[in-house]
Amino acid sequence: APAGGEDDPEESFVRLQLQSRVREVITTLPSHYRRTLTMRALEDSTYEEISAELEVPVAVARLWYCRARKRFRQAFVDTIVARRNVPAACIAMGGDIAELIEGTLVSAERNRVEGHLAACDVCRQTEDELRSTAFRTPTRATLLGLGVLGFPPKVAQHAVGAHGWTGAPSQPAVAGM
């Protein structure tokens, strides 16, 4: 098999590790956040559609999506950093590195994080790993490609056709805020 292709054993191994990590992280989210994230990020549902489906006000649907993205990102970053034996300062730096990559780090903190990255091999490795794993949010490409979540039938059919995913659809129950 050609290196880097779909049949490349190393690529397959990395994909399986990432799939496992994303599954682990997604299960830490409350069911209403999982459902909101699925509807918005995977199904392209509007906030109005999410609101109607989950029987909550539109403002709550927006809030849940924002919180779900933030929780997913932080939990994903934490799993990346925690699986290595790194100093406490570098563990704490994980979220800041993620925000730097994502472009959401406040400018006052940017110099501090960039300075730390320039001097710390451990955090540069974390940065490289985060950049290479599409950690920012569970995007459609990431989750469909990994087959991580259950989908309503129309999305599942698309996923099977486009990505070879064969998981069973699921509809997580909605819990309170």
Protein backbone atom coordinates (compact mmCIF):
# COMPACT_ATOMS: atom_id res chain seq x y z
CA ALA A 1 0.00 0.00 0.00
CA PRO A 2 1.30 3.48 -0.79
CA ALA A 3 2.47 5.51 2.21
CA GLY A 4 -0.18 7.90 3.49
CA GLY A 5 -3.01 6.28 1.55
CA GLU A 6 -6.23 4.84 2.93
CA ASP A 7 -4.66 1.38 3.11
CA ASP A 8 -1.48 2.60 4.82
CA PRO A 9 -1.19 0.68 8.14
CA GLU A 10 0.31 3.67 9.93
CA GLU A 11 -2.51 5.95 8.71
CA SER A 12 -5.06 3.36 9.81
CA PHE A 13 -3.48 3.12 13.25
CA VAL A 14 -3.44 6.92 13.70
CA ARG A 15 -7.05 7.14 12.50
CA LEU A 16 -8.11 4.44 14.99
CA GLN A 17 -6.35 6.24 17.84
CA LEU A 18 -8.01 9.53 16.93
CA GLN A 19 -11.38 7.82 16.57
CA SER A 20 -11.00 6.32 20.02
CA ARG A 21 -10.02 9.67 21.53
CA VAL A 22 -12.93 11.50 19.91
CA ARG A 23 -15.38 8.81 21.07
CA GLU A 24 -14.00 9.04 24.58
CA VAL A 25 -14.38 12.81 24.60
CA ILE A 26 -17.84 12.92 23.03
CA THR A 27 -19.19 10.55 25.69
CA THR A 28 -18.18 13.03 28.40
CA LEU A 29 -20.67 15.57 27.07
CA PRO A 30 -24.19 15.66 28.50
CA SER A 31 -26.70 14.15 26.08
CA HIS A 32 -28.33 17.50 25.24
CA TYR A 33 -24.92 18.91 24.27
CA ARG A 34 -24.13 15.81 22.17
CA ARG A 35 -27.45 16.15 20.36
CA THR A 36 -27.06 19.90 19.82
CA LEU A 37 -23.52 19.43 18.52
CA THR A 38 -24.65 16.64 16.21
CA MET A 39 -27.53 18.65 14.80
CA ARG A 40 -25.53 21.82 14.22
CA ALA A 41 -22.10 20.50 13.22
CA LEU A 42 -23.14 17.39 11.32
CA GLU A 43 -26.66 17.98 10.08
CA ASP A 44 -26.34 21.72 9.35
CA SER A 45 -29.48 22.34 11.39
CA THR A 46 -30.33 25.94 12.11
CA TYR A 47 -30.70 27.09 15.69
CA GLU A 48 -34.43 27.36 15.01
CA GLU A 49 -34.54 23.70 13.92
CA ILE A 50 -32.54 22.64 16.97
CA SER A 51 -34.87 24.68 19.15
CA ALA A 52 -37.94 22.99 17.70
CA GLU A 53 -36.47 19.47 17.83
CA LEU A 54 -35.22 19.79 21.41
CA GLU A 55 -38.19 21.88 22.55
CA VAL A 56 -36.09 24.71 23.98
CA PRO A 57 -35.92 28.43 23.14
CA VAL A 58 -33.55 29.43 20.31
CA ALA A 59 -31.32 31.24 22.80
CA VAL A 60 -30.89 27.99 24.74
CA ALA A 61 -30.06 26.07 21.54
CA ARG A 62 -27.33 28.64 20.78
CA LEU A 63 -26.01 28.45 24.32
CA TRP A 64 -25.93 24.64 24.30
CA TYR A 65 -24.06 24.57 20.99
CA CYS A 66 -21.49 27.10 22.21
CA ARG A 67 -21.00 25.19 25.46
CA ALA A 68 -20.83 21.82 23.68
CA ARG A 69 -18.10 23.06 21.31
CA LYS A 70 -16.14 24.55 24.18
CA ARG A 71 -16.45 21.43 26.35
CA PHE A 72 -15.55 19.15 23.47
CA ARG A 73 -12.48 21.19 22.59
CA GLN A 74 -11.25 21.42 26.18
CA ALA A 75 -11.82 17.73 26.87
CA PHE A 76 -10.08 16.79 23.63
CA VAL A 77 -7.09 18.98 24.46
CA ASP A 78 -6.98 17.52 27.97
CA THR A 79 -6.87 13.95 26.60
CA ILE A 80 -4.05 14.86 24.20
CA VAL A 81 -1.96 16.44 26.96
CA ALA A 82 -2.85 14.03 29.78
CA ARG A 83 -1.68 10.91 27.97
CA ARG A 84 1.89 12.17 28.13
CA ASN A 85 3.90 12.72 31.29
CA VAL A 86 4.33 16.51 31.13
CA PRO A 87 5.01 19.22 33.73
CA ALA A 88 1.98 20.86 35.38
CA ALA A 89 2.75 24.19 33.68
CA CYS A 90 2.58 22.47 30.30
CA ILE A 91 -0.70 20.75 31.17
CA ALA A 92 -2.16 24.14 32.05
CA MET A 93 -0.79 25.57 28.78
CA GLY A 94 -2.79 23.06 26.65
CA GLY A 95 -5.97 25.16 26.52
CA ASP A 96 -4.02 28.32 25.72
CA ILE A 97 -2.20 26.55 22.87
CA ALA A 98 -5.54 25.39 21.51
CA GLU A 99 -6.91 28.93 21.64
CA LEU A 100 -3.77 30.24 19.93
CA ILE A 101 -4.19 27.76 17.08
CA GLU A 102 -7.91 28.48 16.85
CA GLY A 103 -7.31 32.24 16.81
CA THR A 104 -9.42 32.87 19.91
CA LEU A 105 -6.60 33.62 22.37
CA VAL A 106 -6.81 37.21 23.58
CA SER A 107 -3.96 39.33 22.28
CA ALA A 108 -2.68 40.09 25.80
CA GLU A 109 -1.97 36.36 26.28
CA ARG A 110 -0.58 35.69 22.81
CA ASN A 111 3.00 36.85 23.56
CA ARG A 112 3.13 34.80 26.76
CA VAL A 113 2.02 31.61 24.98
CA GLU A 114 4.26 32.18 21.96
CA GLY A 115 7.21 32.85 24.29
CA HIS A 116 6.52 29.65 26.18
CA LEU A 117 6.27 27.70 22.91
CA ALA A 118 9.60 29.09 21.76
CA ALA A 119 11.28 27.80 24.91
CA CYS A 120 9.43 24.54 25.56
CA ASP A 121 9.86 21.40 23.46
CA VAL A 122 7.01 19.64 25.29
CA CYS A 123 4.50 22.37 24.44
CA ARG A 124 5.73 22.59 20.84
CA GLN A 125 5.01 18.87 20.56
CA THR A 126 1.53 19.49 22.01
CA GLU A 127 0.99 22.27 19.49
CA ASP A 128 2.06 20.02 16.61
CA GLU A 129 -0.21 17.24 17.80
CA LEU A 130 -3.17 19.56 18.24
CA ARG A 131 -2.66 21.08 14.79
CA SER A 132 -2.54 17.63 13.22
CA THR A 133 -5.68 16.24 14.87
CA ALA A 134 -8.36 18.75 13.90
CA PHE A 135 -9.09 19.35 17.59
CA ARG A 136 -10.83 22.67 17.16
CA THR A 137 -14.35 21.30 17.02
CA PRO A 138 -15.82 18.04 15.99
CA THR A 139 -16.30 19.09 12.39
CA ARG A 140 -18.44 17.16 9.94
CA ALA A 141 -15.37 15.84 8.14
CA THR A 142 -13.79 14.68 11.39
CA LEU A 143 -16.85 13.01 12.85
CA LEU A 144 -18.27 11.56 9.65
CA GLY A 145 -14.84 10.33 8.62
CA LEU A 146 -14.30 8.76 12.00
CA GLY A 147 -17.81 7.37 12.32
CA VAL A 148 -17.99 8.64 15.87
CA LEU A 149 -21.61 9.56 16.44
CA GLY A 150 -24.97 8.06 15.63
CA PHE A 151 -26.99 9.99 13.08
CA PRO A 152 -30.59 10.35 12.00
CA PRO A 153 -31.30 8.11 8.99
CA LYS A 154 -30.73 10.74 6.24
CA VAL A 155 -27.32 11.71 7.62
CA ALA A 156 -26.39 8.09 8.32
CA GLN A 157 -27.21 7.15 4.71
CA HIS A 158 -25.00 9.98 3.44
CA ALA A 159 -22.22 8.94 5.80
CA VAL A 160 -22.39 5.32 4.71
CA GLY A 161 -22.27 6.28 1.06
CA ALA A 162 -19.53 8.86 1.37
CA HIS A 163 -17.39 7.49 4.18
CA GLY A 164 -18.14 3.81 4.65
CA TRP A 165 -19.56 4.37 8.13
CA THR A 166 -21.85 1.61 9.28
CA GLY A 167 -22.75 2.54 12.86
CA ALA A 168 -26.33 2.41 14.07
CA PRO A 169 -28.20 5.72 14.32
CA SER A 170 -28.97 7.01 17.79
CA GLN A 171 -30.94 9.88 19.24
CA PRO A 172 -29.55 10.92 22.66
CA ALA A 173 -32.20 12.07 25.12
CA VAL A 174 -32.36 15.76 25.93
CA ALA A 175 -31.56 16.72 29.49
CA GLY A 176 -32.00 20.06 31.23
CA MET A 177 -29.44 22.84 31.01
